[in-house]
Amino acid sequence: MQLTIPAVGILRGVEGTFFREVMHASFSAGLQALEITMNTDGAVDILSGCRPEVPEGKWLGMGTIRNLEEARQAVGAGAMFLVTPNTDPAVIDYAGQQEVPVIAGAFTPTEVYNAWSAGAVMVKVFPCGPVGPSYIKELKGPFDHIPLLAVGGVNRENLDEYFKAGVSGVGVSSALFGAKALAEKDISQVGVNVRDFVMALGDCISG
């Protein structure tokens, strides 16, 4: 799973029609990877319905995969990747058998190492909000070979700090789409917000 735009958009609790609109607007605005969380009402149906409409070079996955049964449902619905909040070797092993990449959730150094050793393509450090970029920098000391995705508390103001600390990508929700735009279902503004965030990402990785 190669992300030239190092961000995963996270959508939770949105209904199907609006999710489809956000997906198309976000992909058109430059976002490469988008996930719907498993604990969204109707998530499996939303994913399976939108999967055929994913443009080439884009990724549509499912997040908040907490156990093997949820992983099976997500893969069955056509998830192109899985994101977990925890490290479950059974989930990573199953997804590997299905050739579906997993971004596995971890927090402590031991969890980060175990997630990577189990076969995750990237390790989601979650939640980052309470610890910030400095924690990522500390993890990258011994784990400079492990690609880390920072999730929780990432926004435009601290984005550059996270990349300077060594992340390979970020997972973002309201900071990407805009909380107000999502609440008001202002799809035009969602597109503008995503485009602006993608441009900010470009500045971070080129700088």
N, C-alpha and C. Protein backbone atom coordinates (compact mmCIF):
# COMPACT_ATOMS: atom_id res chain seq x y z
N MET A 1 0.86 -1.20 0.00
CA MET A 1 0.00 0.00 0.00
C MET A 1 0.89 1.24 0.00
N GLN A 2 1.08 1.82 -1.16
CA GLN A 2 1.94 2.98 -1.31
C GLN A 2 1.09 4.26 -1.39
N LEU A 3 1.29 5.14 -0.42
CA LEU A 3 0.55 6.40 -0.39
C LEU A 3 1.48 7.55 -0.79
N THR A 4 1.25 8.09 -1.98
CA THR A 4 2.03 9.27 -2.38
C THR A 4 1.50 10.51 -1.68
N ILE A 5 0.23 10.47 -1.30
CA ILE A 5 -0.37 11.50 -0.45
C ILE A 5 -0.53 10.86 0.93
N PRO A 6 0.38 11.16 1.87
CA PRO A 6 0.47 10.40 3.11
C PRO A 6 -0.59 10.74 4.16
N ALA A 7 -1.85 10.52 3.81
CA ALA A 7 -2.94 10.78 4.76
C ALA A 7 -4.06 9.78 4.51
N VAL A 8 -4.69 9.37 5.59
CA VAL A 8 -5.90 8.54 5.51
C VAL A 8 -7.04 9.36 6.08
N GLY A 9 -8.05 9.62 5.28
CA GLY A 9 -9.23 10.33 5.76
C GLY A 9 -10.12 9.37 6.52
N ILE A 10 -10.63 9.80 7.66
CA ILE A 10 -11.43 8.94 8.53
C ILE A 10 -12.84 9.51 8.64
N LEU A 11 -13.83 8.72 8.26
CA LEU A 11 -15.22 9.14 8.38
C LEU A 11 -15.97 8.18 9.29
N ARG A 12 -16.60 8.74 10.31
CA ARG A 12 -17.35 7.96 11.28
C ARG A 12 -18.74 8.56 11.45
N GLY A 13 -19.77 7.69 11.47
CA GLY A 13 -21.11 8.15 11.77
C GLY A 13 -21.80 8.95 10.69
N VAL A 14 -21.41 8.73 9.43
CA VAL A 14 -22.08 9.42 8.32
C VAL A 14 -22.99 8.45 7.59
N GLU A 15 -24.07 8.96 7.02
CA GLU A 15 -24.98 8.06 6.30
C GLU A 15 -24.45 7.86 4.87
N GLY A 16 -24.99 6.81 4.23
CA GLY A 16 -24.42 6.33 2.99
C GLY A 16 -24.35 7.32 1.85
N THR A 17 -25.42 8.05 1.60
CA THR A 17 -25.43 8.99 0.48
C THR A 17 -24.39 10.08 0.66
N PHE A 18 -24.29 10.59 1.89
CA PHE A 18 -23.32 11.64 2.15
C PHE A 18 -21.90 11.09 2.10
N PHE A 19 -21.70 9.87 2.57
CA PHE A 19 -20.37 9.26 2.48
C PHE A 19 -19.92 9.20 1.03
N ARG A 20 -20.80 8.77 0.16
CA ARG A 20 -20.45 8.68 -1.27
C ARG A 20 -20.06 10.05 -1.82
N GLU A 21 -20.78 11.08 -1.43
CA GLU A 21 -20.46 12.43 -1.89
C GLU A 21 -19.10 12.88 -1.37
N VAL A 22 -18.85 12.60 -0.10
CA VAL A 22 -17.56 12.98 0.49
C VAL A 22 -16.43 12.21 -0.18
N MET A 23 -16.65 10.95 -0.44
CA MET A 23 -15.62 10.13 -1.09
C MET A 23 -15.23 10.72 -2.44
N HIS A 24 -16.21 11.00 -3.27
CA HIS A 24 -15.91 11.53 -4.60
C HIS A 24 -15.27 12.92 -4.52
N ALA A 25 -15.77 13.76 -3.63
CA ALA A 25 -15.20 15.11 -3.48
C ALA A 25 -13.77 15.04 -2.98
N SER A 26 -13.52 14.13 -2.04
CA SER A 26 -12.18 14.01 -1.45
C SER A 26 -11.18 13.45 -2.44
N PHE A 27 -11.57 12.41 -3.16
CA PHE A 27 -10.67 11.85 -4.16
C PHE A 27 -10.38 12.87 -5.26
N SER A 28 -11.39 13.61 -5.66
CA SER A 28 -11.20 14.64 -6.68
C SER A 28 -10.27 15.75 -6.20
N ALA A 29 -10.30 16.00 -4.88
CA ALA A 29 -9.47 17.06 -4.30
C ALA A 29 -8.04 16.61 -4.00
N GLY A 30 -7.75 15.34 -4.28
CA GLY A 30 -6.38 14.87 -4.14
C GLY A 30 -6.11 13.84 -3.07
N LEU A 31 -7.11 13.56 -2.21
CA LEU A 31 -6.92 12.54 -1.18
C LEU A 31 -6.78 11.18 -1.85
N GLN A 32 -5.90 10.35 -1.31
CA GLN A 32 -5.66 9.05 -1.92
C GLN A 32 -6.32 7.91 -1.17
N ALA A 33 -6.46 8.04 0.15
CA ALA A 33 -6.99 6.94 0.96
C ALA A 33 -8.08 7.43 1.90
N LEU A 34 -9.18 6.68 1.96
CA LEU A 34 -10.32 7.05 2.79
C LEU A 34 -10.84 5.80 3.48
N GLU A 35 -11.17 5.93 4.75
CA GLU A 35 -11.77 4.81 5.48
C GLU A 35 -13.10 5.22 6.08
N ILE A 36 -14.01 4.25 6.11
CA ILE A 36 -15.22 4.39 6.90
C ILE A 36 -15.06 3.46 8.09
N THR A 37 -15.47 3.91 9.27
CA THR A 37 -15.26 3.08 10.46
C THR A 37 -16.34 2.02 10.58
N MET A 38 -15.94 0.86 11.10
CA MET A 38 -16.87 -0.26 11.24
C MET A 38 -18.04 0.07 12.15
N ASN A 39 -17.83 0.97 13.13
CA ASN A 39 -18.92 1.29 14.07
C ASN A 39 -19.82 2.42 13.57
N THR A 40 -19.77 2.69 12.27
CA THR A 40 -20.75 3.55 11.61
C THR A 40 -21.95 2.69 11.24
N ASP A 41 -23.16 3.19 11.49
CA ASP A 41 -24.36 2.44 11.13
C ASP A 41 -24.36 2.11 9.64
N GLY A 42 -24.52 0.84 9.32
CA GLY A 42 -24.57 0.43 7.92
C GLY A 42 -23.24 0.46 7.21
N ALA A 43 -22.14 0.43 7.96
CA ALA A 43 -20.81 0.59 7.36
C ALA A 43 -20.51 -0.43 6.28
N VAL A 44 -20.87 -1.68 6.52
CA VAL A 44 -20.58 -2.73 5.54
C VAL A 44 -21.31 -2.47 4.23
N ASP A 45 -22.57 -2.09 4.31
CA ASP A 45 -23.35 -1.80 3.10
C ASP A 45 -22.82 -0.56 2.39
N ILE A 46 -22.44 0.45 3.18
CA ILE A 46 -21.90 1.67 2.57
C ILE A 46 -20.62 1.35 1.79
N LEU A 47 -19.74 0.58 2.41
CA LEU A 47 -18.48 0.23 1.77
C LEU A 47 -18.71 -0.57 0.49
N SER A 48 -19.55 -1.60 0.58
CA SER A 48 -19.77 -2.44 -0.59
C SER A 48 -20.44 -1.66 -1.72
N GLY A 49 -21.29 -0.70 -1.37
CA GLY A 49 -21.95 0.10 -2.39
C GLY A 49 -21.03 1.08 -3.08
N CYS A 50 -20.06 1.60 -2.33
CA CYS A 50 -19.15 2.61 -2.88
C CYS A 50 -17.92 2.01 -3.55
N ARG A 51 -17.59 0.80 -3.17
CA ARG A 51 -16.35 0.18 -3.67
C ARG A 51 -16.22 0.18 -5.19
N PRO A 52 -17.28 -0.12 -5.95
CA PRO A 52 -17.13 -0.13 -7.41
C PRO A 52 -16.85 1.24 -8.01
N GLU A 53 -17.08 2.30 -7.23
CA GLU A 53 -16.92 3.66 -7.76
C GLU A 53 -15.56 4.28 -7.42
N VAL A 54 -14.69 3.50 -6.80
CA VAL A 54 -13.37 4.02 -6.40
C VAL A 54 -12.49 4.16 -7.64
N PRO A 55 -11.96 5.36 -7.89
CA PRO A 55 -11.11 5.56 -9.07
C PRO A 55 -9.80 4.79 -8.94
N GLU A 56 -9.20 4.50 -10.06
CA GLU A 56 -7.91 3.83 -10.07
C GLU A 56 -6.87 4.67 -9.32
N GLY A 57 -6.06 4.03 -8.53
CA GLY A 57 -5.03 4.73 -7.77
C GLY A 57 -5.50 5.25 -6.43
N LYS A 58 -6.79 5.07 -6.12
CA LYS A 58 -7.34 5.49 -4.83
C LYS A 58 -7.63 4.25 -3.97
N TRP A 59 -7.75 4.49 -2.66
CA TRP A 59 -7.93 3.40 -1.71
C TRP A 59 -9.14 3.68 -0.83
N LEU A 60 -10.05 2.71 -0.77
CA LEU A 60 -11.20 2.79 0.13
C LEU A 60 -11.14 1.62 1.10
N GLY A 61 -11.04 1.93 2.38
CA GLY A 61 -10.90 0.88 3.37
C GLY A 61 -11.87 1.02 4.52
N MET A 62 -11.70 0.16 5.49
CA MET A 62 -12.54 0.21 6.68
C MET A 62 -11.67 0.27 7.92
N GLY A 63 -12.05 1.17 8.84
CA GLY A 63 -11.31 1.32 10.08
C GLY A 63 -12.11 0.83 11.28
N THR A 64 -11.51 0.98 12.45
CA THR A 64 -12.09 0.49 13.70
C THR A 64 -12.42 -1.00 13.59
N ILE A 65 -11.49 -1.73 12.99
CA ILE A 65 -11.59 -3.19 12.91
C ILE A 65 -10.96 -3.75 14.19
N ARG A 66 -11.81 -4.23 15.10
CA ARG A 66 -11.33 -4.61 16.43
C ARG A 66 -11.12 -6.09 16.63
N ASN A 67 -11.63 -6.90 15.70
CA ASN A 67 -11.50 -8.35 15.88
C ASN A 67 -11.62 -9.06 14.53
N LEU A 68 -11.45 -10.37 14.55
CA LEU A 68 -11.42 -11.15 13.33
C LEU A 68 -12.75 -11.13 12.59
N GLU A 69 -13.85 -11.20 13.31
CA GLU A 69 -15.16 -11.19 12.65
C GLU A 69 -15.39 -9.89 11.89
N GLU A 70 -15.01 -8.76 12.49
CA GLU A 70 -15.15 -7.48 11.79
C GLU A 70 -14.23 -7.43 10.57
N ALA A 71 -13.05 -8.02 10.68
CA ALA A 71 -12.13 -8.06 9.54
C ALA A 71 -12.75 -8.84 8.39
N ARG A 72 -13.37 -9.96 8.72
CA ARG A 72 -14.01 -10.78 7.68
C ARG A 72 -15.15 -10.01 6.99
N GLN A 73 -15.94 -9.30 7.78
CA GLN A 73 -17.03 -8.52 7.20
C GLN A 73 -16.49 -7.43 6.27
N ALA A 74 -15.44 -6.76 6.72
CA ALA A 74 -14.87 -5.67 5.93
C ALA A 74 -14.28 -6.17 4.62
N VAL A 75 -13.53 -7.25 4.69
CA VAL A 75 -12.93 -7.82 3.47
C VAL A 75 -14.03 -8.31 2.54
N GLY A 76 -15.06 -8.92 3.11
CA GLY A 76 -16.18 -9.40 2.30
C GLY A 76 -16.91 -8.27 1.58
N ALA A 77 -16.89 -7.09 2.18
CA ALA A 77 -17.55 -5.92 1.58
C ALA A 77 -16.68 -5.23 0.54
N GLY A 78 -15.41 -5.68 0.44
CA GLY A 78 -14.53 -5.11 -0.57
C GLY A 78 -13.50 -4.11 -0.07
N ALA A 79 -13.27 -4.08 1.24
CA ALA A 79 -12.28 -3.14 1.78
C ALA A 79 -10.92 -3.35 1.12
N MET A 80 -10.31 -2.26 0.69
CA MET A 80 -9.01 -2.33 0.04
C MET A 80 -7.87 -2.30 1.06
N PHE A 81 -8.18 -1.88 2.27
CA PHE A 81 -7.24 -1.92 3.39
C PHE A 81 -8.03 -1.89 4.68
N LEU A 82 -7.41 -2.32 5.76
CA LEU A 82 -8.02 -2.29 7.08
C LEU A 82 -7.19 -1.43 8.02
N VAL A 83 -7.87 -0.76 8.93
CA VAL A 83 -7.20 0.01 9.98
C VAL A 83 -7.78 -0.45 11.31
N THR A 84 -6.90 -0.74 12.25
CA THR A 84 -7.35 -1.22 13.56
C THR A 84 -6.93 -0.25 14.66
N PRO A 85 -7.69 -0.18 15.76
CA PRO A 85 -7.26 0.65 16.89
C PRO A 85 -6.35 -0.11 17.85
N ASN A 86 -6.26 -1.42 17.66
CA ASN A 86 -5.49 -2.30 18.53
C ASN A 86 -4.71 -3.29 17.68
N THR A 87 -3.80 -4.01 18.32
CA THR A 87 -3.03 -5.02 17.60
C THR A 87 -3.62 -6.39 17.87
N ASP A 88 -4.19 -7.00 16.85
CA ASP A 88 -4.74 -8.34 16.94
C ASP A 88 -4.06 -9.17 15.85
N PRO A 89 -3.12 -10.04 16.23
CA PRO A 89 -2.39 -10.83 15.23
C PRO A 89 -3.32 -11.64 14.33
N ALA A 90 -4.46 -12.09 14.86
CA ALA A 90 -5.39 -12.88 14.04
C ALA A 90 -5.95 -12.04 12.90
N VAL A 91 -6.23 -10.77 13.16
CA VAL A 91 -6.72 -9.87 12.11
C VAL A 91 -5.66 -9.66 11.05
N ILE A 92 -4.43 -9.40 11.49
CA ILE A 92 -3.33 -9.15 10.55
C ILE A 92 -3.06 -10.39 9.72
N ASP A 93 -3.09 -11.56 10.35
CA ASP A 93 -2.83 -12.81 9.63
C ASP A 93 -3.92 -13.09 8.60
N TYR A 94 -5.17 -12.90 9.00
CA TYR A 94 -6.28 -13.14 8.07
C TYR A 94 -6.21 -12.19 6.88
N ALA A 95 -5.98 -10.91 7.15
CA ALA A 95 -5.90 -9.94 6.06
C ALA A 95 -4.75 -10.27 5.13
N GLY A 96 -3.64 -10.73 5.69
CA GLY A 96 -2.51 -11.12 4.86
C GLY A 96 -2.87 -12.26 3.92
N GLN A 97 -3.62 -13.23 4.43
CA GLN A 97 -4.07 -14.34 3.60
C GLN A 97 -4.96 -13.85 2.45
N GLN A 98 -5.71 -12.78 2.73
CA GLN A 98 -6.62 -12.22 1.71
C GLN A 98 -5.94 -11.15 0.86
N GLU A 99 -4.66 -10.91 1.13
CA GLU A 99 -3.87 -9.90 0.43
C GLU A 99 -4.46 -8.50 0.58
N VAL A 100 -4.95 -8.23 1.78
CA VAL A 100 -5.47 -6.91 2.12
C VAL A 100 -4.53 -6.29 3.16
N PRO A 101 -3.93 -5.14 2.86
CA PRO A 101 -2.99 -4.54 3.82
C PRO A 101 -3.69 -4.05 5.08
N VAL A 102 -2.95 -4.12 6.19
CA VAL A 102 -3.47 -3.68 7.48
C VAL A 102 -2.57 -2.59 8.06
N ILE A 103 -3.21 -1.51 8.49
CA ILE A 103 -2.53 -0.49 9.31
C ILE A 103 -2.99 -0.77 10.73
N ALA A 104 -2.10 -1.35 11.53
CA ALA A 104 -2.49 -1.85 12.85
C ALA A 104 -2.23 -0.83 13.94
N GLY A 105 -3.19 -0.71 14.85
CA GLY A 105 -3.09 0.26 15.94
C GLY A 105 -2.20 -0.22 17.07
N ALA A 106 -1.44 0.72 17.61
CA ALA A 106 -0.53 0.42 18.73
C ALA A 106 -0.23 1.72 19.46
N PHE A 107 0.31 1.59 20.65
CA PHE A 107 0.69 2.80 21.38
C PHE A 107 2.06 2.66 22.04
N THR A 108 2.25 1.61 22.81
CA THR A 108 3.52 1.43 23.50
C THR A 108 4.59 0.90 22.54
N PRO A 109 5.86 1.03 22.91
CA PRO A 109 6.92 0.48 22.05
C PRO A 109 6.74 -1.01 21.78
N THR A 110 6.34 -1.76 22.78
CA THR A 110 6.13 -3.20 22.58
C THR A 110 5.01 -3.46 21.58
N GLU A 111 3.92 -2.70 21.70
CA GLU A 111 2.80 -2.87 20.77
C GLU A 111 3.20 -2.49 19.35
N VAL A 112 3.95 -1.42 19.21
CA VAL A 112 4.42 -0.99 17.89
C VAL A 112 5.25 -2.09 17.25
N TYR A 113 6.17 -2.64 18.02
CA TYR A 113 7.04 -3.70 17.49
C TYR A 113 6.23 -4.95 17.14
N ASN A 114 5.30 -5.33 18.02
CA ASN A 114 4.51 -6.53 17.78
C ASN A 114 3.61 -6.38 16.56
N ALA A 115 3.03 -5.19 16.37
CA ALA A 115 2.17 -4.96 15.21
C ALA A 115 2.96 -5.10 13.91
N TRP A 116 4.13 -4.52 13.90
CA TRP A 116 4.98 -4.58 12.71
C TRP A 116 5.46 -6.01 12.46
N SER A 117 5.85 -6.69 13.50
CA SER A 117 6.34 -8.06 13.36
C SER A 117 5.26 -9.01 12.89
N ALA A 118 4.00 -8.70 13.24
CA ALA A 118 2.88 -9.56 12.84
C ALA A 118 2.54 -9.40 11.37
N GLY A 119 3.02 -8.34 10.74
CA GLY A 119 2.80 -8.17 9.31
C GLY A 119 2.05 -6.92 8.89
N ALA A 120 1.84 -5.99 9.80
CA ALA A 120 1.19 -4.73 9.42
C ALA A 120 2.06 -3.98 8.42
N VAL A 121 1.43 -3.32 7.45
CA VAL A 121 2.20 -2.55 6.46
C VAL A 121 2.62 -1.21 7.03
N MET A 122 1.90 -0.77 8.06
CA MET A 122 2.18 0.48 8.75
C MET A 122 1.58 0.36 10.14
N VAL A 123 2.16 1.07 11.10
CA VAL A 123 1.64 1.02 12.46
C VAL A 123 0.99 2.35 12.80
N LYS A 124 -0.27 2.28 13.18
CA LYS A 124 -1.05 3.46 13.57
C LYS A 124 -0.79 3.75 15.05
N VAL A 125 -0.10 4.84 15.33
CA VAL A 125 0.15 5.22 16.72
C VAL A 125 -1.07 6.01 17.19
N PHE A 126 -1.80 5.41 18.12
CA PHE A 126 -3.08 5.96 18.56
C PHE A 126 -3.29 5.72 20.04
N PRO A 127 -3.77 6.75 20.77
CA PRO A 127 -4.05 8.13 20.32
C PRO A 127 -2.82 9.03 20.48
N CYS A 128 -2.56 9.84 19.47
CA CYS A 128 -1.41 10.74 19.52
C CYS A 128 -1.70 12.05 20.26
N GLY A 129 -2.98 12.39 20.37
CA GLY A 129 -3.33 13.66 20.99
C GLY A 129 -2.68 13.93 22.33
N PRO A 130 -2.71 12.98 23.27
CA PRO A 130 -2.15 13.24 24.60
C PRO A 130 -0.63 13.33 24.63
N VAL A 131 0.05 12.80 23.59
CA VAL A 131 1.52 12.73 23.65
C VAL A 131 2.22 13.60 22.60
N GLY A 132 1.59 13.81 21.45
CA GLY A 132 2.12 14.72 20.46
C GLY A 132 3.32 14.21 19.67
N PRO A 133 3.88 15.07 18.81
CA PRO A 133 4.98 14.69 17.93
C PRO A 133 6.23 14.20 18.66
N SER A 134 6.47 14.71 19.88
CA SER A 134 7.67 14.29 20.60
C SER A 134 7.68 12.79 20.87
N TYR A 135 6.50 12.21 21.07
CA TYR A 135 6.41 10.77 21.30
C TYR A 135 6.79 9.99 20.04
N ILE A 136 6.36 10.49 18.90
CA ILE A 136 6.74 9.87 17.62
C ILE A 136 8.25 9.90 17.47
N LYS A 137 8.85 11.02 17.78
CA LYS A 137 10.31 11.16 17.65
C LYS A 137 11.02 10.13 18.52
N GLU A 138 10.51 9.91 19.73
CA GLU A 138 11.12 8.92 20.62
C GLU A 138 10.96 7.52 20.05
N LEU A 139 9.79 7.21 19.51
CA LEU A 139 9.57 5.87 18.94
C LEU A 139 10.49 5.62 17.73
N LYS A 140 10.73 6.66 16.96
CA LYS A 140 11.55 6.49 15.76
C LYS A 140 13.02 6.26 16.08
N GLY A 141 13.40 6.48 17.33
CA GLY A 141 14.78 6.18 17.73
C GLY A 141 15.10 4.70 17.49
N PRO A 142 14.43 3.80 18.24
CA PRO A 142 14.69 2.38 18.03
C PRO A 142 13.97 1.79 16.81
N PHE A 143 12.89 2.42 16.41
CA PHE A 143 12.06 1.85 15.34
C PHE A 143 12.10 2.70 14.07
N ASP A 144 13.30 3.08 13.67
CA ASP A 144 13.43 3.94 12.49
C ASP A 144 13.03 3.22 11.21
N HIS A 145 12.92 1.87 11.26
CA HIS A 145 12.55 1.09 10.08
C HIS A 145 11.04 0.86 9.97
N ILE A 146 10.29 1.28 10.99
CA ILE A 146 8.84 1.03 11.00
C ILE A 146 8.08 2.28 10.58
N PRO A 147 7.29 2.22 9.50
CA PRO A 147 6.49 3.39 9.11
C PRO A 147 5.34 3.60 10.09
N LEU A 148 5.22 4.81 10.60
CA LEU A 148 4.21 5.13 11.60
C LEU A 148 3.18 6.10 11.03
N LEU A 149 1.91 5.83 11.37
CA LEU A 149 0.80 6.71 11.00
C LEU A 149 0.28 7.35 12.28
N ALA A 150 0.38 8.65 12.39
CA ALA A 150 -0.09 9.35 13.59
C ALA A 150 -1.58 9.61 13.48
N VAL A 151 -2.33 9.21 14.51
CA VAL A 151 -3.79 9.38 14.49
C VAL A 151 -4.25 9.88 15.86
N GLY A 152 -5.14 10.89 15.83
CA GLY A 152 -5.66 11.45 17.07
C GLY A 152 -4.97 12.77 17.39
N GLY A 153 -5.68 13.86 17.22
CA GLY A 153 -5.11 15.16 17.56
C GLY A 153 -4.25 15.78 16.49
N VAL A 154 -4.20 15.20 15.30
CA VAL A 154 -3.41 15.77 14.21
C VAL A 154 -4.24 16.83 13.50
N ASN A 155 -3.64 17.99 13.26
CA ASN A 155 -4.34 19.08 12.58
C ASN A 155 -3.36 19.91 11.75
N ARG A 156 -3.87 20.94 11.10
CA ARG A 156 -3.01 21.76 10.24
C ARG A 156 -1.89 22.44 11.03
N GLU A 157 -2.19 22.79 12.28
CA GLU A 157 -1.21 23.52 13.09
C GLU A 157 -0.01 22.66 13.48
N ASN A 158 -0.22 21.36 13.71
CA ASN A 158 0.90 20.53 14.15
C ASN A 158 1.36 19.53 13.08
N LEU A 159 0.78 19.61 11.90
CA LEU A 159 1.08 18.66 10.83
C LEU A 159 2.57 18.60 10.52
N ASP A 160 3.18 19.75 10.35
CA ASP A 160 4.60 19.79 10.01
C ASP A 160 5.46 19.19 11.12
N GLU A 161 5.06 19.40 12.38
CA GLU A 161 5.81 18.84 13.51
C GLU A 161 5.80 17.32 13.47
N TYR A 162 4.67 16.74 13.12
CA TYR A 162 4.59 15.28 13.05
C TYR A 162 5.50 14.72 11.98
N PHE A 163 5.56 15.36 10.83
CA PHE A 163 6.42 14.85 9.77
C PHE A 163 7.90 15.07 10.11
N LYS A 164 8.20 16.16 10.76
CA LYS A 164 9.58 16.37 11.20
C LYS A 164 9.99 15.35 12.25
N ALA A 165 8.99 14.87 13.02
CA ALA A 165 9.27 13.87 14.05
C ALA A 165 9.48 12.49 13.45
N GLY A 166 9.03 12.30 12.20
CA GLY A 166 9.33 11.04 11.53
C GLY A 166 8.16 10.19 11.08
N VAL A 167 6.92 10.72 11.15
CA VAL A 167 5.79 9.90 10.69
C VAL A 167 5.86 9.68 9.18
N SER A 168 5.29 8.58 8.76
CA SER A 168 5.16 8.31 7.32
C SER A 168 3.82 8.77 6.79
N GLY A 169 2.89 9.08 7.71
CA GLY A 169 1.58 9.54 7.31
C GLY A 169 0.75 9.90 8.52
N VAL A 170 -0.45 10.42 8.26
CA VAL A 170 -1.36 10.82 9.33
C VAL A 170 -2.76 10.34 9.01
N GLY A 171 -3.54 10.09 10.05
CA GLY A 171 -4.95 9.79 9.91
C GLY A 171 -5.74 10.94 10.48
N VAL A 172 -6.65 11.49 9.70
CA VAL A 172 -7.35 12.71 10.11
C VAL A 172 -8.82 12.65 9.73
N SER A 173 -9.63 13.37 10.50
CA SER A 173 -11.06 13.42 10.24
C SER A 173 -11.52 14.86 10.08
N SER A 174 -12.00 15.47 11.17
CA SER A 174 -12.54 16.83 11.06
C SER A 174 -11.49 17.84 10.63
N ALA A 175 -10.22 17.61 11.00
CA ALA A 175 -9.16 18.52 10.58
C ALA A 175 -8.93 18.47 9.08
N LEU A 176 -9.35 17.39 8.46
CA LEU A 176 -9.21 17.24 7.01
C LEU A 176 -10.45 17.75 6.28
N PHE A 177 -11.61 17.25 6.68
CA PHE A 177 -12.85 17.57 5.97
C PHE A 177 -13.48 18.89 6.43
N GLY A 178 -13.22 19.26 7.69
CA GLY A 178 -13.84 20.44 8.27
C GLY A 178 -15.08 20.04 9.06
N ALA A 179 -15.05 20.24 10.37
CA ALA A 179 -16.18 19.84 11.22
C ALA A 179 -17.47 20.54 10.80
N LYS A 180 -17.38 21.82 10.51
CA LYS A 180 -18.57 22.60 10.12
C LYS A 180 -19.11 22.11 8.77
N ALA A 181 -18.22 21.87 7.84
CA ALA A 181 -18.64 21.41 6.52
C ALA A 181 -19.32 20.04 6.60
N LEU A 182 -18.80 19.17 7.46
CA LEU A 182 -19.43 17.86 7.63
C LEU A 182 -20.80 17.99 8.28
N ALA A 183 -20.86 18.81 9.32
CA ALA A 183 -22.12 18.98 10.05
C ALA A 183 -23.21 19.57 9.15
N GLU A 184 -22.82 20.49 8.28
CA GLU A 184 -23.79 21.15 7.41
C GLU A 184 -23.93 20.44 6.06
N LYS A 185 -23.17 19.35 5.88
CA LYS A 185 -23.16 18.61 4.61
C LYS A 185 -22.88 19.52 3.43
N ASP A 186 -21.92 20.41 3.64
CA ASP A 186 -21.51 21.35 2.60
C ASP A 186 -20.40 20.68 1.78
N ILE A 187 -20.80 19.93 0.77
CA ILE A 187 -19.85 19.11 0.04
C ILE A 187 -18.83 19.94 -0.72
N SER A 188 -19.23 21.12 -1.17
CA SER A 188 -18.29 22.00 -1.86
C SER A 188 -17.17 22.42 -0.92
N GLN A 189 -17.54 22.78 0.31
CA GLN A 189 -16.53 23.20 1.28
C GLN A 189 -15.66 22.02 1.72
N VAL A 190 -16.25 20.85 1.78
CA VAL A 190 -15.45 19.65 2.09
C VAL A 190 -14.33 19.50 1.07
N GLY A 191 -14.67 19.67 -0.19
CA GLY A 191 -13.66 19.57 -1.24
C GLY A 191 -12.56 20.60 -1.10
N VAL A 192 -12.95 21.83 -0.77
CA VAL A 192 -11.96 22.90 -0.57
C VAL A 192 -11.05 22.57 0.60
N ASN A 193 -11.66 22.09 1.70
CA ASN A 193 -10.87 21.77 2.89
C ASN A 193 -9.88 20.65 2.63
N VAL A 194 -10.33 19.63 1.91
CA VAL A 194 -9.44 18.51 1.60
C VAL A 194 -8.30 18.97 0.69
N ARG A 195 -8.61 19.78 -0.30
CA ARG A 195 -7.58 20.27 -1.20
C ARG A 195 -6.53 21.09 -0.44
N ASP A 196 -6.99 21.92 0.48
CA ASP A 196 -6.06 22.74 1.27
C ASP A 196 -5.17 21.86 2.15
N PHE A 197 -5.76 20.81 2.73
CA PHE A 197 -4.99 19.92 3.60
C PHE A 197 -3.96 19.14 2.78
N VAL A 198 -4.36 18.69 1.61
CA VAL A 198 -3.44 17.96 0.74
C VAL A 198 -2.27 18.86 0.33
N MET A 199 -2.55 20.11 0.06
CA MET A 199 -1.48 21.05 -0.28
C MET A 199 -0.53 21.25 0.90
N ALA A 200 -1.10 21.32 2.10
CA ALA A 200 -0.27 21.46 3.31
C ALA A 200 0.60 20.22 3.49
N LEU A 201 0.03 19.05 3.19
CA LEU A 201 0.82 17.81 3.25
C LEU A 201 2.01 17.87 2.30
N GLY A 202 1.75 18.36 1.10
CA GLY A 202 2.80 18.47 0.11
C GLY A 202 3.94 19.35 0.61
N ASP A 203 3.59 20.44 1.28
CA ASP A 203 4.62 21.32 1.83
C ASP A 203 5.44 20.60 2.90
N CYS A 204 4.77 19.76 3.71
CA CYS A 204 5.46 19.05 4.79
C CYS A 204 6.46 18.03 4.25
N ILE A 205 6.04 17.28 3.25
CA ILE A 205 6.92 16.21 2.78
C ILE A 205 7.99 16.70 1.80
N SER A 206 7.77 17.89 1.22
CA SER A 206 8.78 18.44 0.32
C SER A 206 9.77 19.30 1.07
N GLY A 207 9.32 19.79 2.25
CA GLY A 207 10.20 20.66 3.04
C GLY A 207 11.15 19.89 3.90
